[in-house]
Each structure stands twice: as C-alpha cells, then as structure tokens.
Amino acid sequence: MQNRLKRLRFRAWHRGTREADYMIGGFFDRYSPGWDEAEVEWFEAVVEEDDVDIMAWALGTGHPPAHLDRPEWIAAMRRLDYIPLP
C-alpha cells in the first residue's frame, strides 16, 4: 500500500499546472492518510482523468462520471480547505 500511495502522491503533485498541482496534490495530502483500499482505488481512477475535469468537480462547475461520483469525496473537494495559501 505504501508504494501505491507514493506513486499517487507523485501523480497528484505533478499534473502539469501549478493550479492543478495544488488542488489535486493538496487534496491527496489532506485526505490520504486515512484512506482504505476502496478510497485508494477511487483516487487512482481520479488521477487518470483530465485536470480540467477534476478541477471542474472541485469548483462545482462539472459533475464526475458515475464510476467516480462519491458525494462525500466530491463534497470534500469542493470545500477547498486543503489548498495551502502562500
């Protein structure tokens, strides 16, 4: 599990734009310590999606596909309380 989390952390923080890095990487850092197998699998699927789609879910301007629609986690993304402010 630790190797999977290390790979996921890298993928979450190396998205291609600073905004996506903060949003997706910050979400990972904030919530991943308590994840179980199902939550890790969910996030593995999330990071396969395009950044603009993930950011739209977090900003409330888009909806995730049915296989990723976990209301409690999408709500956590929308709080944006995990993004460090400079």
Protein backbone atom coordinates (compact mmCIF):
# COMPACT_ATOMS: atom_id res chain seq x y z
CA MET A 1 0.00 0.00 0.00
CA GLN A 2 2.83 2.43 0.80
CA ASN A 3 4.26 2.13 -2.72
CA ARG A 4 0.85 2.83 -4.21
CA LEU A 5 0.47 5.91 -2.05
CA LYS A 6 3.93 7.16 -3.03
CA ARG A 7 3.06 6.79 -6.72
CA LEU A 8 -0.27 8.51 -6.18
CA ARG A 9 1.33 11.39 -4.30
CA PHE A 10 3.76 11.92 -7.17
CA ARG A 11 0.95 11.83 -9.73
CA ALA A 12 -1.19 14.16 -7.63
CA TRP A 13 1.57 16.77 -7.32
CA HIS A 14 2.89 16.57 -10.90
CA ARG A 15 -0.13 17.37 -13.03
CA GLY A 16 1.32 19.98 -15.37
CA THR A 17 -0.04 23.23 -13.96
CA ARG A 18 0.53 24.81 -10.59
CA GLU A 19 -3.22 25.20 -10.02
CA ALA A 20 -3.90 21.52 -10.62
CA ASP A 21 -0.90 20.53 -8.51
CA TYR A 22 -2.21 22.50 -5.54
CA MET A 23 -5.78 21.32 -5.95
CA ILE A 24 -5.16 17.62 -6.60
CA GLY A 25 -1.94 17.30 -4.62
CA GLY A 26 -3.36 19.24 -1.70
CA PHE A 27 -6.43 17.02 -1.65
CA PHE A 28 -4.21 13.93 -1.60
CA ASP A 29 -2.04 15.27 1.23
CA ARG A 30 -5.03 16.27 3.33
CA TYR A 31 -7.13 13.12 2.99
CA SER A 32 -4.90 10.18 2.01
CA PRO A 33 -3.55 9.30 5.49
CA GLY A 34 -6.90 7.76 6.47
CA TRP A 35 -7.73 6.05 3.18
CA ASP A 36 -8.66 2.41 2.93
CA GLU A 37 -8.30 0.19 -0.16
CA ALA A 38 -11.52 1.42 -1.78
CA GLU A 39 -10.57 5.07 -1.35
CA VAL A 40 -7.11 4.49 -2.81
CA GLU A 41 -8.70 2.76 -5.81
CA TRP A 42 -11.08 5.72 -6.22
CA PHE A 43 -8.23 8.22 -6.22
CA GLU A 44 -6.21 6.07 -8.63
CA ALA A 45 -9.14 6.38 -11.04
CA VAL A 46 -9.49 10.11 -10.37
CA VAL A 47 -5.87 10.89 -11.31
CA GLU A 48 -6.46 9.20 -14.66
CA GLU A 49 -8.97 11.94 -15.52
CA ASP A 50 -8.09 15.26 -17.15
CA ASP A 51 -7.12 18.09 -14.84
CA VAL A 52 -9.80 20.40 -16.19
CA ASP A 53 -12.46 17.82 -15.35
CA ILE A 54 -11.16 17.24 -11.81
CA MET A 55 -10.94 20.97 -11.22
CA ALA A 56 -14.49 21.43 -12.52
CA TRP A 57 -15.74 18.89 -9.96
CA ALA A 58 -13.87 20.71 -7.19
CA LEU A 59 -15.18 24.10 -8.28
CA GLY A 60 -18.73 22.83 -8.69
CA THR A 61 -18.93 23.61 -12.40
CA GLY A 62 -18.91 19.99 -13.51
CA HIS A 63 -20.01 16.57 -12.37
CA PRO A 64 -17.87 13.46 -12.20
CA PRO A 65 -18.74 10.37 -14.24
CA ALA A 66 -20.90 7.83 -12.45
CA HIS A 67 -18.00 5.50 -11.58
CA LEU A 68 -16.25 8.36 -9.71
CA ASP A 69 -19.28 10.04 -8.18
CA ARG A 70 -18.74 9.60 -4.46
CA PRO A 71 -20.69 12.50 -2.98
CA GLU A 72 -18.72 12.63 0.27
CA TRP A 73 -15.40 12.94 -1.57
CA ILE A 74 -16.67 15.37 -4.17
CA ALA A 75 -18.01 17.50 -1.29
CA ALA A 76 -14.56 17.33 0.34
CA MET A 77 -13.00 18.50 -2.93
CA ARG A 78 -15.45 21.40 -3.10
CA ARG A 79 -14.53 22.67 0.37
CA LEU A 80 -11.06 23.56 -0.96
CA ASP A 81 -9.82 23.76 2.63
CA TYR A 82 -6.86 21.60 1.68
CA ILE A 83 -5.17 24.12 -0.61
CA PRO A 84 -2.26 25.84 1.14
CA LEU A 85 -2.30 29.58 0.73
CA PRO A 86 1.05 31.31 0.16
